[in-house]
């Protein structure tokens, strides 16, 4: 599963609100969706998010094992 906690920590570190990122990346509903760990997000959205933050995928997403 994917965790986007790193993304939201990055936003806090940069003193940036989710709505600011959503507008900058033009991804309003998806940024909200990313608030749920395990949310499935397309690679296009991740690339736009990274470009908007001048960051890498490693900076915004972490793969965590499923606890099944």
C-alpha atoms as a PDB file:
ATOM      1  CA  UNK A   1       0.000   0.000   0.000  1.00  0.00           C
ATOM      2  CA  UNK A   2       1.051   3.587  -0.488  1.00  0.00           C
ATOM      3  CA  UNK A   3       1.374   6.106   2.320  1.00  0.00           C
ATOM      4  CA  UNK A   4       1.423   9.831   1.565  1.00  0.00           C
ATOM      5  CA  UNK A   5       2.455  10.906   5.072  1.00  0.00           C
ATOM      6  CA  UNK A   6       5.782  12.043   3.635  1.00  0.00           C
ATOM      7  CA  UNK A   7       3.908  14.397   1.290  1.00  0.00           C
ATOM      8  CA  UNK A   8       1.933  15.980   4.093  1.00  0.00           C
ATOM      9  CA  UNK A   9       5.040  16.296   6.283  1.00  0.00           C
ATOM     10  CA  UNK A  10       6.771  18.028   3.363  1.00  0.00           C
ATOM     11  CA  UNK A  11       3.853  20.446   3.105  1.00  0.00           C
ATOM     12  CA  UNK A  12       4.145  21.213   6.828  1.00  0.00           C
ATOM     13  CA  UNK A  13       7.910  21.729   6.497  1.00  0.00           C
ATOM     14  CA  UNK A  14       7.287  24.156   3.631  1.00  0.00           C
ATOM     15  CA  UNK A  15       4.431  25.876   5.446  1.00  0.00           C
ATOM     16  CA  UNK A  16       2.131  25.028   2.542  1.00  0.00           C
ATOM     17  CA  UNK A  17      -1.550  24.104   2.742  1.00  0.00           C
ATOM     18  CA  UNK A  18      -3.123  21.181   0.861  1.00  0.00           C
ATOM     19  CA  UNK A  19      -5.322  23.612  -1.069  1.00  0.00           C
ATOM     20  CA  UNK A  20      -2.232  25.502  -2.266  1.00  0.00           C
ATOM     21  CA  UNK A  21      -0.703  22.280  -3.562  1.00  0.00           C
ATOM     22  CA  UNK A  22      -4.010  21.236  -5.141  1.00  0.00           C
ATOM     23  CA  UNK A  23      -4.184  24.526  -7.041  1.00  0.00           C
ATOM     24  CA  UNK A  24      -0.524  24.443  -8.043  1.00  0.00           C
ATOM     25  CA  UNK A  25      -0.722  20.827  -9.254  1.00  0.00           C
ATOM     26  CA  UNK A  26      -4.285  21.257 -10.607  1.00  0.00           C
ATOM     27  CA  UNK A  27      -5.324  18.112  -8.700  1.00  0.00           C
ATOM     28  CA  UNK A  28      -8.042  19.190  -6.251  1.00  0.00           C
ATOM     29  CA  UNK A  29      -9.911  15.932  -5.606  1.00  0.00           C
ATOM     30  CA  UNK A  30      -6.827  13.723  -5.788  1.00  0.00           C
ATOM     31  CA  UNK A  31      -4.860  15.666  -3.168  1.00  0.00           C
ATOM     32  CA  UNK A  32      -7.808  15.188  -0.817  1.00  0.00           C
ATOM     33  CA  UNK A  33      -7.929  11.486  -1.714  1.00  0.00           C
ATOM     34  CA  UNK A  34      -4.211  11.172  -0.888  1.00  0.00           C
ATOM     35  CA  UNK A  35      -5.091  11.963   2.729  1.00  0.00           C
ATOM     36  CA  UNK A  36      -6.200   8.336   3.030  1.00  0.00           C
ATOM     37  CA  UNK A  37      -3.321   5.883   3.351  1.00  0.00           C
ATOM     38  CA  UNK A  38      -3.508   3.249   0.652  1.00  0.00           C
ATOM     39  CA  UNK A  39      -5.290   5.534  -1.811  1.00  0.00           C
ATOM     40  CA  UNK A  40      -4.608   4.554  -5.412  1.00  0.00           C
ATOM     41  CA  UNK A  41      -3.232   7.523  -7.336  1.00  0.00           C
ATOM     42  CA  UNK A  42      -2.042   7.512 -10.941  1.00  0.00           C
ATOM     43  CA  UNK A  43       1.595   8.080 -11.768  1.00  0.00           C
ATOM     44  CA  UNK A  44       0.581  11.189 -13.746  1.00  0.00           C
ATOM     45  CA  UNK A  45      -0.774  12.755 -10.554  1.00  0.00           C
ATOM     46  CA  UNK A  46       2.373  11.838  -8.644  1.00  0.00           C
ATOM     47  CA  UNK A  47       4.546  13.366 -11.376  1.00  0.00           C
ATOM     48  CA  UNK A  48       2.504  16.598 -11.357  1.00  0.00           C
ATOM     49  CA  UNK A  49       2.692  16.732  -7.579  1.00  0.00           C
ATOM     50  CA  UNK A  50       6.457  16.238  -7.621  1.00  0.00           C
ATOM     51  CA  UNK A  51       6.883  18.876 -10.310  1.00  0.00           C
ATOM     52  CA  UNK A  52       4.784  21.330  -8.308  1.00  0.00           C
ATOM     53  CA  UNK A  53       6.927  20.772  -5.223  1.00  0.00           C
ATOM     54  CA  UNK A  54      10.250  20.413  -7.066  1.00  0.00           C
ATOM     55  CA  UNK A  55      10.667  17.055  -5.344  1.00  0.00           C
ATOM     56  CA  UNK A  56      11.004  13.357  -6.132  1.00  0.00           C
ATOM     57  CA  UNK A  57       8.632  10.437  -5.617  1.00  0.00           C
ATOM     58  CA  UNK A  58      10.737   9.336  -2.650  1.00  0.00           C
ATOM     59  CA  UNK A  59       9.960  12.689  -1.037  1.00  0.00           C
ATOM     60  CA  UNK A  60       6.180  12.248  -1.191  1.00  0.00           C
ATOM     61  CA  UNK A  61       5.254   8.555  -1.122  1.00  0.00           C
ATOM     62  CA  UNK A  62       6.296   5.524   0.887  1.00  0.00           C
ATOM     63  CA  UNK A  63       5.382   1.921   0.150  1.00  0.00           C
ATOM     64  CA  UNK A  64       4.247   0.099   3.279  1.00  0.00           C
ATOM     65  CA  UNK A  65       3.475  -3.599   3.562  1.00  0.00           C
ATOM     66  CA  UNK A  66      -0.134  -4.727   3.689  1.00  0.00           C
ATOM     67  CA  UNK A  67      -1.037  -6.250   7.029  1.00  0.00           C
ATOM     68  CA  UNK A  68      -3.245  -9.074   5.837  1.00  0.00           C
END
